[in-house]
Amino acid sequence: MSPGPATVTPLRPKRRCPECGRAAGRENYPFCSARCKTVDLHRWLSGSYVIPATEEVPSDPQAGDAD
């Protein structure tokens, strides 16, 4: 009995580009192109991906809690 055709399991599941939705390319993973990669980097550097704070942080660290 001979073995059937070999199946190769991919190392990563196929994903879509988070910017445009096209298939992600190997050289720019998880993006499809250098352009989409640069667009995402620009968003990080400009502060578009900021998570809003849920409570106020005191501006003076020496003040502490006065209560």
N, C-alpha and C. Protein backbone atom coordinates (compact mmCIF):
# COMPACT_ATOMS: atom_id res chain seq x y z
N MET A 1 0.84 -1.18 0.00
CA MET A 1 0.00 0.00 0.00
C MET A 1 0.89 1.25 0.00
N SER A 2 0.76 2.09 -1.00
CA SER A 2 1.58 3.29 -1.09
C SER A 2 0.86 4.48 -0.46
N PRO A 3 1.63 5.38 0.14
CA PRO A 3 1.01 6.56 0.76
C PRO A 3 0.41 7.47 -0.30
N GLY A 4 -0.64 8.17 0.09
CA GLY A 4 -1.31 9.10 -0.83
C GLY A 4 -0.47 10.35 -1.02
N PRO A 5 -0.99 11.31 -1.73
CA PRO A 5 -0.24 12.55 -1.95
C PRO A 5 0.04 13.25 -0.61
N ALA A 6 1.22 13.79 -0.50
CA ALA A 6 1.62 14.48 0.73
C ALA A 6 0.84 15.78 0.86
N THR A 7 0.39 16.05 2.04
CA THR A 7 -0.28 17.32 2.30
C THR A 7 0.62 18.17 3.19
N VAL A 8 0.71 19.41 2.85
CA VAL A 8 1.54 20.35 3.59
C VAL A 8 0.63 21.24 4.41
N THR A 9 0.88 21.28 5.69
CA THR A 9 0.11 22.15 6.58
C THR A 9 0.79 23.51 6.61
N PRO A 10 0.09 24.59 6.28
CA PRO A 10 0.71 25.91 6.31
C PRO A 10 1.09 26.30 7.74
N LEU A 11 2.16 27.08 7.86
CA LEU A 11 2.60 27.52 9.18
C LEU A 11 1.64 28.53 9.78
N ARG A 12 1.08 29.37 8.94
CA ARG A 12 0.12 30.38 9.40
C ARG A 12 -1.17 30.22 8.61
N PRO A 13 -2.29 30.47 9.25
CA PRO A 13 -3.53 30.46 8.48
C PRO A 13 -3.56 31.65 7.53
N LYS A 14 -4.24 31.49 6.40
CA LYS A 14 -4.36 32.61 5.46
C LYS A 14 -5.22 33.69 6.10
N ARG A 15 -4.81 34.92 5.93
CA ARG A 15 -5.52 36.06 6.50
C ARG A 15 -5.68 37.15 5.46
N ARG A 16 -6.61 38.01 5.75
CA ARG A 16 -6.86 39.16 4.90
C ARG A 16 -6.08 40.36 5.44
N CYS A 17 -5.71 41.26 4.55
CA CYS A 17 -5.02 42.49 4.93
C CYS A 17 -5.94 43.33 5.80
N PRO A 18 -5.47 43.80 6.97
CA PRO A 18 -6.34 44.60 7.83
C PRO A 18 -6.69 45.97 7.25
N GLU A 19 -5.96 46.43 6.26
CA GLU A 19 -6.23 47.73 5.66
C GLU A 19 -7.23 47.67 4.53
N CYS A 20 -7.03 46.75 3.58
CA CYS A 20 -7.86 46.75 2.38
C CYS A 20 -8.66 45.47 2.17
N GLY A 21 -8.34 44.41 2.89
CA GLY A 21 -9.10 43.18 2.79
C GLY A 21 -8.62 42.19 1.75
N ARG A 22 -7.59 42.55 0.97
CA ARG A 22 -7.05 41.59 0.00
C ARG A 22 -6.24 40.53 0.74
N ALA A 23 -5.88 39.47 0.04
CA ALA A 23 -5.09 38.40 0.64
C ALA A 23 -3.71 38.93 1.06
N ALA A 24 -3.29 38.57 2.25
CA ALA A 24 -2.01 39.04 2.78
C ALA A 24 -0.86 38.39 2.02
N GLY A 25 0.19 39.16 1.78
CA GLY A 25 1.37 38.65 1.08
C GLY A 25 2.42 38.17 2.06
N ARG A 26 3.24 37.28 1.61
CA ARG A 26 4.27 36.70 2.48
C ARG A 26 5.31 37.73 2.90
N GLU A 27 5.76 38.58 1.99
CA GLU A 27 6.82 39.53 2.30
C GLU A 27 6.36 40.70 3.16
N ASN A 28 5.08 40.98 3.23
CA ASN A 28 4.57 42.10 4.04
C ASN A 28 3.55 41.65 5.07
N TYR A 29 3.57 40.38 5.45
CA TYR A 29 2.57 39.80 6.35
C TYR A 29 2.44 40.64 7.61
N PRO A 30 1.29 40.96 8.09
CA PRO A 30 -0.04 40.52 7.70
C PRO A 30 -0.70 41.41 6.65
N PHE A 31 0.06 42.28 6.04
CA PHE A 31 -0.49 43.18 5.02
C PHE A 31 -0.28 42.60 3.63
N CYS A 32 -0.99 43.15 2.65
CA CYS A 32 -0.88 42.65 1.28
C CYS A 32 0.24 43.35 0.51
N SER A 33 0.60 44.56 0.94
CA SER A 33 1.61 45.32 0.20
C SER A 33 2.34 46.28 1.14
N ALA A 34 3.42 46.84 0.62
CA ALA A 34 4.18 47.82 1.40
C ALA A 34 3.33 49.07 1.66
N ARG A 35 2.45 49.40 0.73
CA ARG A 35 1.60 50.57 0.90
C ARG A 35 0.70 50.42 2.11
N CYS A 36 0.02 49.28 2.23
CA CYS A 36 -0.88 49.05 3.36
C CYS A 36 -0.09 49.02 4.68
N LYS A 37 1.11 48.49 4.63
CA LYS A 37 1.97 48.44 5.81
C LYS A 37 2.33 49.86 6.25
N THR A 38 2.64 50.72 5.29
CA THR A 38 3.00 52.11 5.59
C THR A 38 1.80 52.90 6.11
N VAL A 39 0.62 52.65 5.56
CA VAL A 39 -0.59 53.33 6.03
C VAL A 39 -0.83 52.98 7.51
N ASP A 40 -0.67 51.72 7.87
CA ASP A 40 -0.87 51.30 9.26
C ASP A 40 0.18 51.92 10.17
N LEU A 41 1.43 51.96 9.73
CA LEU A 41 2.49 52.58 10.53
C LEU A 41 2.20 54.06 10.76
N HIS A 42 1.71 54.74 9.74
CA HIS A 42 1.36 56.16 9.88
C HIS A 42 0.28 56.34 10.94
N ARG A 43 -0.70 55.46 10.96
CA ARG A 43 -1.76 55.56 11.96
C ARG A 43 -1.21 55.37 13.36
N TRP A 44 -0.28 54.43 13.53
CA TRP A 44 0.34 54.23 14.85
C TRP A 44 1.10 55.48 15.27
N LEU A 45 1.90 56.04 14.36
CA LEU A 45 2.73 57.18 14.70
C LEU A 45 1.94 58.46 14.92
N SER A 46 0.79 58.59 14.28
CA SER A 46 -0.02 59.80 14.45
C SER A 46 -0.95 59.71 15.65
N GLY A 47 -1.03 58.54 16.30
CA GLY A 47 -1.85 58.40 17.50
C GLY A 47 -3.28 57.99 17.23
N SER A 48 -3.59 57.49 16.07
CA SER A 48 -4.96 57.08 15.75
C SER A 48 -5.40 55.85 16.53
N TYR A 49 -4.45 55.05 17.00
CA TYR A 49 -4.79 53.81 17.70
C TYR A 49 -4.74 53.96 19.22
N VAL A 50 -4.97 55.16 19.73
CA VAL A 50 -4.92 55.41 21.17
C VAL A 50 -6.14 54.81 21.85
N ILE A 51 -5.90 54.15 22.97
CA ILE A 51 -6.99 53.63 23.79
C ILE A 51 -7.31 54.70 24.83
N PRO A 52 -8.56 55.16 24.88
CA PRO A 52 -8.88 56.22 25.82
C PRO A 52 -8.75 55.76 27.28
N ALA A 53 -8.29 56.66 28.13
CA ALA A 53 -8.13 56.35 29.55
C ALA A 53 -9.51 56.31 30.20
N THR A 54 -9.67 55.45 31.19
CA THR A 54 -10.96 55.33 31.87
C THR A 54 -11.03 56.18 33.13
N GLU A 55 -9.90 56.58 33.67
CA GLU A 55 -9.91 57.44 34.85
C GLU A 55 -8.79 58.46 34.75
N GLU A 56 -8.95 59.57 35.45
CA GLU A 56 -7.95 60.62 35.43
C GLU A 56 -6.72 60.21 36.23
N VAL A 57 -5.56 60.52 35.70
CA VAL A 57 -4.30 60.25 36.39
C VAL A 57 -3.82 61.58 36.95
N PRO A 58 -3.46 61.64 38.24
CA PRO A 58 -3.00 62.92 38.80
C PRO A 58 -1.75 63.40 38.08
N SER A 59 -1.69 64.70 37.82
CA SER A 59 -0.55 65.25 37.10
C SER A 59 0.69 65.37 38.00
N ASP A 60 0.47 65.46 39.32
CA ASP A 60 1.57 65.57 40.27
C ASP A 60 1.72 64.24 41.02
N PRO A 61 2.76 63.46 40.71
CA PRO A 61 2.90 62.16 41.36
C PRO A 61 3.19 62.25 42.86
N GLN A 62 3.66 63.40 43.35
CA GLN A 62 3.95 63.58 44.78
C GLN A 62 2.68 63.88 45.58
N ALA A 63 1.62 64.31 44.91
CA ALA A 63 0.40 64.71 45.62
C ALA A 63 -0.26 63.52 46.30
N GLY A 64 -0.36 62.38 45.63
CA GLY A 64 -0.96 61.21 46.23
C GLY A 64 -2.42 61.44 46.54
N ASP A 65 -2.99 60.59 47.40
CA ASP A 65 -4.39 60.75 47.82
C ASP A 65 -4.44 61.60 49.08
N ALA A 66 -5.20 62.66 49.04
CA ALA A 66 -5.32 63.56 50.18
C ALA A 66 -6.42 63.11 51.13
N ASP A 67 -7.16 62.09 50.79
CA ASP A 67 -8.27 61.64 51.65
C ASP A 67 -7.81 60.88 52.84
